[in-house]
């Protein structure tokens, strides 16, 4: 399993009126780490003729992140078949899991905008140990 991770210091702009990280911010973090991981996986590939589009988010909020918390955001790719791939994201503070998410992505042909079957090469790229 290829796990990509980063740490993030919670900023004032990410805090809502209840003094914790707003739910929309978690969705942004989930999107950001997926994009960062994908860019890392395709580093060195000159031409990509497809893109990933979100078709579903499932998010379990288990605890709150607060201003100035340092959180660890991890992601990895799970079940991948047909035109869809599931990405896991876990956000934690110290050893406490704050958020667990599953995002289902659909592979789309960049030229036609239509779903595209995930090839073995793409699957291997997603699970590679870079």
N, C-alpha and C. Protein backbone atom coordinates (compact mmCIF):
# COMPACT_ATOMS: atom_id res chain seq x y z
N UNK A 1 0.85 -1.18 0.00
CA UNK A 1 0.00 0.00 0.00
C UNK A 1 0.90 1.25 0.00
N UNK A 2 0.64 2.13 -0.93
CA UNK A 2 1.40 3.37 -1.09
C UNK A 2 0.69 4.47 -0.31
N UNK A 3 1.23 4.85 0.85
CA UNK A 3 0.63 5.89 1.68
C UNK A 3 1.37 7.20 1.46
N UNK A 4 0.61 8.24 1.19
CA UNK A 4 1.17 9.58 1.04
C UNK A 4 0.67 10.38 2.23
N UNK A 5 1.55 11.15 2.86
CA UNK A 5 1.12 11.90 4.04
C UNK A 5 1.81 13.24 4.14
N UNK A 6 1.17 14.13 4.89
CA UNK A 6 1.74 15.44 5.17
C UNK A 6 1.17 15.93 6.49
N UNK A 7 1.87 16.87 7.10
CA UNK A 7 1.33 17.51 8.30
C UNK A 7 0.82 18.90 7.92
N UNK A 8 -0.10 19.38 8.73
CA UNK A 8 -0.72 20.69 8.48
C UNK A 8 -1.01 21.37 9.81
N UNK A 9 -0.64 22.63 9.92
CA UNK A 9 -0.95 23.43 11.10
C UNK A 9 -2.26 24.16 10.85
N UNK A 10 -3.24 23.93 11.70
CA UNK A 10 -4.57 24.54 11.53
C UNK A 10 -4.47 26.06 11.67
N UNK A 11 -5.00 26.76 10.67
CA UNK A 11 -4.96 28.22 10.60
C UNK A 11 -6.28 28.84 11.08
N UNK A 12 -6.22 30.09 11.47
CA UNK A 12 -7.41 30.81 11.93
C UNK A 12 -8.50 30.82 10.86
N UNK A 13 -8.12 30.95 9.60
CA UNK A 13 -9.09 31.00 8.50
C UNK A 13 -9.86 29.69 8.33
N UNK A 14 -9.38 28.61 8.95
CA UNK A 14 -10.03 27.30 8.83
C UNK A 14 -11.00 27.01 9.98
N UNK A 15 -11.08 27.94 10.92
CA UNK A 15 -11.91 27.77 12.11
C UNK A 15 -13.27 28.43 11.89
N UNK A 16 -14.33 27.75 12.33
CA UNK A 16 -15.68 28.30 12.16
C UNK A 16 -16.18 28.94 13.45
N UNK A 17 -17.45 29.31 13.46
CA UNK A 17 -18.02 30.01 14.62
C UNK A 17 -18.11 29.12 15.87
N UNK A 18 -17.89 27.83 15.70
CA UNK A 18 -17.90 26.91 16.86
C UNK A 18 -16.50 26.63 17.38
N UNK A 19 -15.53 27.37 16.86
CA UNK A 19 -14.13 27.30 17.29
C UNK A 19 -13.44 25.97 16.99
N UNK A 20 -13.86 25.33 15.91
CA UNK A 20 -13.14 24.15 15.43
C UNK A 20 -13.09 24.20 13.91
N UNK A 21 -12.32 23.31 13.32
CA UNK A 21 -12.18 23.28 11.86
C UNK A 21 -13.55 23.03 11.24
N UNK A 22 -13.90 23.86 10.27
CA UNK A 22 -15.17 23.73 9.57
C UNK A 22 -15.18 22.48 8.69
N UNK A 23 -16.34 21.84 8.55
CA UNK A 23 -16.45 20.62 7.75
C UNK A 23 -16.02 20.83 6.30
N UNK A 24 -16.30 22.00 5.76
CA UNK A 24 -15.91 22.29 4.38
C UNK A 24 -14.38 22.28 4.25
N UNK A 25 -13.68 22.68 5.28
CA UNK A 25 -12.22 22.67 5.27
C UNK A 25 -11.70 21.24 5.19
N UNK A 26 -12.32 20.32 5.92
CA UNK A 26 -11.90 18.92 5.82
C UNK A 26 -12.04 18.41 4.39
N UNK A 27 -13.15 18.77 3.72
CA UNK A 27 -13.35 18.35 2.33
C UNK A 27 -12.23 18.94 1.45
N UNK A 28 -11.86 20.18 1.70
CA UNK A 28 -10.77 20.79 0.95
C UNK A 28 -9.45 20.05 1.19
N UNK A 29 -9.17 19.71 2.45
CA UNK A 29 -7.96 18.95 2.76
C UNK A 29 -7.96 17.60 2.05
N UNK A 30 -9.12 16.94 2.02
CA UNK A 30 -9.25 15.63 1.35
C UNK A 30 -8.95 15.79 -0.14
N UNK A 31 -9.51 16.81 -0.75
CA UNK A 31 -9.26 17.08 -2.16
C UNK A 31 -7.80 17.43 -2.41
N UNK A 32 -7.24 18.28 -1.56
CA UNK A 32 -5.86 18.72 -1.74
C UNK A 32 -4.88 17.56 -1.67
N UNK A 33 -5.04 16.68 -0.67
CA UNK A 33 -4.07 15.59 -0.53
C UNK A 33 -4.21 14.58 -1.67
N UNK A 34 -5.42 14.38 -2.15
CA UNK A 34 -5.61 13.49 -3.31
C UNK A 34 -4.87 14.05 -4.52
N UNK A 35 -5.02 15.35 -4.75
CA UNK A 35 -4.33 15.99 -5.88
C UNK A 35 -2.81 15.95 -5.73
N UNK A 36 -2.32 16.22 -4.52
CA UNK A 36 -0.88 16.18 -4.28
C UNK A 36 -0.31 14.78 -4.50
N UNK A 37 -1.03 13.77 -4.00
CA UNK A 37 -0.57 12.40 -4.17
C UNK A 37 -0.55 12.03 -5.65
N UNK A 38 -1.61 12.38 -6.38
CA UNK A 38 -1.66 12.07 -7.80
C UNK A 38 -0.50 12.74 -8.55
N UNK A 39 -0.22 14.01 -8.24
CA UNK A 39 0.89 14.71 -8.90
C UNK A 39 2.22 14.03 -8.60
N UNK A 40 2.37 13.51 -7.40
CA UNK A 40 3.58 12.78 -7.04
C UNK A 40 3.69 11.49 -7.85
N UNK A 41 2.56 10.80 -8.02
CA UNK A 41 2.56 9.54 -8.76
C UNK A 41 2.87 9.72 -10.24
N UNK A 42 2.44 10.83 -10.82
CA UNK A 42 2.64 11.03 -12.26
C UNK A 42 3.86 11.88 -12.59
N UNK A 43 4.64 12.21 -11.58
CA UNK A 43 5.87 12.97 -11.80
C UNK A 43 6.72 12.24 -12.84
N UNK A 44 7.15 12.96 -13.86
CA UNK A 44 7.99 12.37 -14.89
C UNK A 44 7.21 11.81 -16.07
N UNK A 45 5.89 11.74 -15.97
CA UNK A 45 5.09 11.28 -17.11
C UNK A 45 4.74 12.52 -17.93
N UNK A 46 5.09 12.49 -19.21
CA UNK A 46 4.95 13.69 -20.04
C UNK A 46 3.53 14.01 -20.43
N UNK A 47 2.73 13.02 -20.74
CA UNK A 47 1.39 13.29 -21.26
C UNK A 47 0.36 12.40 -20.59
N UNK A 48 -0.65 13.03 -20.02
CA UNK A 48 -1.76 12.30 -19.40
C UNK A 48 -3.03 12.71 -20.16
N UNK A 49 -3.76 11.72 -20.69
CA UNK A 49 -4.95 12.03 -21.48
C UNK A 49 -6.25 11.72 -20.74
N UNK A 50 -6.19 11.78 -19.42
CA UNK A 50 -7.37 11.52 -18.61
C UNK A 50 -7.30 12.35 -17.33
N UNK A 51 -8.42 12.41 -16.64
CA UNK A 51 -8.51 13.16 -15.38
C UNK A 51 -9.41 12.39 -14.43
N UNK A 52 -9.34 12.74 -13.17
CA UNK A 52 -10.18 12.11 -12.14
C UNK A 52 -11.25 13.10 -11.69
N UNK A 53 -12.49 12.62 -11.58
CA UNK A 53 -13.59 13.44 -11.09
C UNK A 53 -14.25 12.74 -9.91
N UNK A 54 -14.55 13.49 -8.87
CA UNK A 54 -15.20 12.94 -7.68
C UNK A 54 -16.66 12.61 -8.01
N UNK A 55 -17.08 11.40 -7.64
CA UNK A 55 -18.49 11.04 -7.77
C UNK A 55 -19.15 10.79 -6.41
N UNK A 56 -18.32 10.66 -5.36
CA UNK A 56 -18.90 10.42 -4.03
C UNK A 56 -17.87 10.67 -2.94
N UNK A 57 -18.31 11.35 -1.88
CA UNK A 57 -17.51 11.49 -0.65
C UNK A 57 -18.28 10.82 0.48
N UNK A 58 -17.58 10.05 1.30
CA UNK A 58 -18.14 9.52 2.55
C UNK A 58 -17.18 9.96 3.65
N UNK A 59 -17.69 10.73 4.60
CA UNK A 59 -16.82 11.29 5.64
C UNK A 59 -17.40 11.00 7.01
N UNK A 60 -16.56 10.44 7.88
CA UNK A 60 -16.93 10.23 9.28
C UNK A 60 -16.11 11.20 10.12
N UNK A 61 -16.81 12.08 10.81
CA UNK A 61 -16.16 13.05 11.70
C UNK A 61 -16.15 12.45 13.10
N UNK A 62 -14.96 12.20 13.64
CA UNK A 62 -14.85 11.51 14.92
C UNK A 62 -14.47 12.43 16.07
N UNK A 63 -13.75 13.50 15.77
CA UNK A 63 -13.32 14.47 16.79
C UNK A 63 -12.99 15.78 16.07
N UNK A 64 -12.79 16.82 16.85
CA UNK A 64 -12.57 18.14 16.28
C UNK A 64 -11.10 18.54 16.28
N UNK A 65 -10.70 19.23 15.21
CA UNK A 65 -9.38 19.86 15.18
C UNK A 65 -9.59 21.33 15.54
N UNK A 66 -8.63 21.87 16.27
CA UNK A 66 -8.74 23.24 16.79
C UNK A 66 -7.60 24.10 16.27
N UNK A 67 -7.72 25.39 16.47
CA UNK A 67 -6.70 26.34 16.05
C UNK A 67 -5.33 25.93 16.58
N UNK A 68 -4.34 25.99 15.72
CA UNK A 68 -2.94 25.67 16.03
C UNK A 68 -2.65 24.19 16.26
N UNK A 69 -3.64 23.31 16.07
CA UNK A 69 -3.35 21.88 16.10
C UNK A 69 -2.51 21.52 14.89
N UNK A 70 -1.60 20.60 15.07
CA UNK A 70 -0.88 20.01 13.94
C UNK A 70 -1.55 18.68 13.65
N UNK A 71 -2.08 18.57 12.44
CA UNK A 71 -2.76 17.34 12.04
C UNK A 71 -1.92 16.60 11.00
N UNK A 72 -2.07 15.29 11.01
CA UNK A 72 -1.43 14.43 10.02
C UNK A 72 -2.52 14.00 9.05
N UNK A 73 -2.30 14.24 7.77
CA UNK A 73 -3.27 13.87 6.74
C UNK A 73 -2.62 12.79 5.88
N UNK A 74 -3.27 11.62 5.83
CA UNK A 74 -2.74 10.47 5.08
C UNK A 74 -3.74 10.07 4.01
N UNK A 75 -3.23 9.57 2.90
CA UNK A 75 -4.10 9.03 1.86
C UNK A 75 -3.47 7.82 1.19
N UNK A 76 -4.33 6.95 0.69
CA UNK A 76 -3.90 5.80 -0.10
C UNK A 76 -5.07 5.36 -0.96
N UNK A 77 -4.76 4.62 -2.01
CA UNK A 77 -5.77 4.17 -2.96
C UNK A 77 -6.22 2.77 -2.58
N UNK A 78 -7.53 2.56 -2.63
CA UNK A 78 -8.11 1.26 -2.33
C UNK A 78 -8.61 0.59 -3.60
N UNK A 79 -9.81 0.05 -3.52
CA UNK A 79 -10.41 -0.71 -4.62
C UNK A 79 -10.45 0.14 -5.89
N UNK A 80 -9.92 -0.43 -6.96
CA UNK A 80 -9.86 0.25 -8.25
C UNK A 80 -10.26 -0.75 -9.32
N UNK A 81 -11.39 -0.47 -9.98
CA UNK A 81 -11.84 -1.35 -11.07
C UNK A 81 -12.85 -0.62 -11.94
N UNK A 82 -12.97 -1.10 -13.16
CA UNK A 82 -13.89 -0.47 -14.10
C UNK A 82 -13.45 0.94 -14.40
N UNK A 83 -14.31 1.91 -14.08
CA UNK A 83 -13.98 3.33 -14.30
C UNK A 83 -13.78 4.06 -12.97
N UNK A 84 -13.88 3.32 -11.84
CA UNK A 84 -13.85 3.97 -10.53
C UNK A 84 -12.68 3.51 -9.66
N UNK A 85 -12.25 4.44 -8.81
CA UNK A 85 -11.19 4.16 -7.85
C UNK A 85 -11.56 4.82 -6.52
N UNK A 86 -11.37 4.09 -5.44
CA UNK A 86 -11.68 4.61 -4.11
C UNK A 86 -10.38 5.04 -3.43
N UNK A 87 -10.40 6.27 -2.92
CA UNK A 87 -9.25 6.81 -2.19
C UNK A 87 -9.63 6.96 -0.72
N UNK A 88 -8.74 6.51 0.16
CA UNK A 88 -8.92 6.63 1.60
C UNK A 88 -8.15 7.85 2.09
N UNK A 89 -8.73 8.56 3.05
CA UNK A 89 -8.04 9.66 3.72
C UNK A 89 -8.30 9.53 5.21
N UNK A 90 -7.25 9.71 5.99
CA UNK A 90 -7.37 9.71 7.44
C UNK A 90 -6.66 10.95 7.97
N UNK A 91 -7.35 11.70 8.81
CA UNK A 91 -6.80 12.90 9.42
C UNK A 91 -6.74 12.67 10.91
N UNK A 92 -5.56 12.87 11.50
CA UNK A 92 -5.40 12.59 12.92
C UNK A 92 -4.58 13.69 13.61
N UNK A 93 -4.70 13.72 14.91
CA UNK A 93 -3.90 14.61 15.76
C UNK A 93 -3.28 13.70 16.82
N UNK A 94 -1.96 13.71 16.89
CA UNK A 94 -1.24 12.74 17.73
C UNK A 94 -1.69 11.36 17.29
N UNK A 95 -2.24 10.54 18.15
CA UNK A 95 -2.70 9.22 17.71
C UNK A 95 -4.23 9.15 17.60
N UNK A 96 -4.90 10.28 17.77
CA UNK A 96 -6.36 10.31 17.72
C UNK A 96 -6.85 10.58 16.30
N UNK A 97 -7.66 9.68 15.77
CA UNK A 97 -8.24 9.87 14.45
C UNK A 97 -9.38 10.87 14.56
N UNK A 98 -9.30 11.93 13.75
CA UNK A 98 -10.32 12.98 13.73
C UNK A 98 -11.35 12.74 12.63
N UNK A 99 -10.85 12.32 11.48
CA UNK A 99 -11.71 12.15 10.30
C UNK A 99 -11.24 10.94 9.52
N UNK A 100 -12.21 10.16 9.04
CA UNK A 100 -11.95 9.09 8.07
C UNK A 100 -12.84 9.35 6.88
N UNK A 101 -12.26 9.24 5.69
CA UNK A 101 -13.04 9.52 4.48
C UNK A 101 -12.72 8.52 3.38
N UNK A 102 -13.74 8.27 2.59
CA UNK A 102 -13.59 7.50 1.35
C UNK A 102 -14.13 8.38 0.24
N UNK A 103 -13.35 8.54 -0.81
CA UNK A 103 -13.80 9.31 -1.96
C UNK A 103 -13.72 8.41 -3.18
N UNK A 104 -14.82 8.31 -3.91
CA UNK A 104 -14.85 7.54 -5.14
C UNK A 104 -14.62 8.49 -6.31
N UNK A 105 -13.62 8.16 -7.10
CA UNK A 105 -13.28 8.95 -8.28
C UNK A 105 -13.63 8.15 -9.53
N UNK A 106 -14.01 8.85 -10.58
CA UNK A 106 -14.24 8.25 -11.89
C UNK A 106 -13.16 8.75 -12.82
N UNK A 107 -12.55 7.84 -13.57
CA UNK A 107 -11.55 8.22 -14.56
C UNK A 107 -12.29 8.70 -15.81
N UNK A 108 -11.89 9.87 -16.31
CA UNK A 108 -12.57 10.49 -17.44
C UNK A 108 -11.56 10.81 -18.54
N UNK A 109 -11.91 10.50 -19.77
CA UNK A 109 -11.09 10.85 -20.92
C UNK A 109 -11.06 12.36 -21.08
N UNK A 110 -9.88 12.95 -21.13
CA UNK A 110 -9.74 14.41 -21.21
C UNK A 110 -10.33 15.00 -22.48
N UNK A 111 -10.30 14.26 -23.56
CA UNK A 111 -10.80 14.79 -24.84
C UNK A 111 -12.31 14.70 -24.95
N UNK A 112 -12.87 13.57 -24.54
CA UNK A 112 -14.32 13.35 -24.73
C UNK A 112 -15.15 13.73 -23.51
N UNK A 113 -14.51 13.75 -22.33
CA UNK A 113 -15.25 14.01 -21.10
C UNK A 113 -16.08 12.82 -20.63
N UNK A 114 -15.87 11.68 -21.25
CA UNK A 114 -16.63 10.48 -20.90
C UNK A 114 -15.80 9.56 -20.00
N UNK A 115 -16.48 8.76 -19.17
CA UNK A 115 -15.76 7.80 -18.32
C UNK A 115 -14.87 6.89 -19.17
N UNK A 116 -13.74 6.53 -18.58
CA UNK A 116 -12.74 5.73 -19.28
C UNK A 116 -12.33 4.57 -18.38
N UNK A 117 -12.29 3.38 -18.93
CA UNK A 117 -11.89 2.20 -18.16
C UNK A 117 -10.46 2.38 -17.65
N UNK A 118 -10.25 2.02 -16.38
CA UNK A 118 -8.93 2.12 -15.76
C UNK A 118 -8.08 0.94 -16.24
N UNK A 119 -6.97 1.28 -16.88
CA UNK A 119 -6.09 0.24 -17.41
C UNK A 119 -5.20 -0.31 -16.30
N UNK A 120 -4.55 -1.42 -16.61
CA UNK A 120 -3.60 -2.02 -15.67
C UNK A 120 -2.46 -1.06 -15.37
N UNK A 121 -2.02 -0.31 -16.39
CA UNK A 121 -0.94 0.67 -16.19
C UNK A 121 -1.34 1.73 -15.17
N UNK A 122 -2.57 2.23 -15.26
CA UNK A 122 -3.04 3.24 -14.31
C UNK A 122 -3.17 2.63 -12.92
N UNK A 123 -3.71 1.42 -12.83
CA UNK A 123 -3.83 0.73 -11.53
C UNK A 123 -2.45 0.55 -10.91
N UNK A 124 -1.48 0.12 -11.70
CA UNK A 124 -0.12 -0.06 -11.19
C UNK A 124 0.47 1.26 -10.72
N UNK A 125 0.18 2.34 -11.41
CA UNK A 125 0.65 3.67 -11.02
C UNK A 125 0.06 4.05 -9.66
N UNK A 126 -1.23 3.78 -9.47
CA UNK A 126 -1.92 4.15 -8.22
C UNK A 126 -1.39 3.40 -7.02
N UNK A 127 -0.97 2.17 -7.23
CA UNK A 127 -0.54 1.36 -6.08
C UNK A 127 0.98 1.25 -5.97
N UNK A 128 1.69 1.95 -6.87
CA UNK A 128 3.16 1.87 -6.86
C UNK A 128 3.72 2.42 -5.56
N UNK A 129 4.89 2.00 -5.22
CA UNK A 129 5.55 2.43 -3.99
C UNK A 129 6.58 3.50 -4.31
N UNK A 130 6.09 4.70 -4.60
CA UNK A 130 7.02 5.82 -4.90
C UNK A 130 7.44 6.47 -3.64
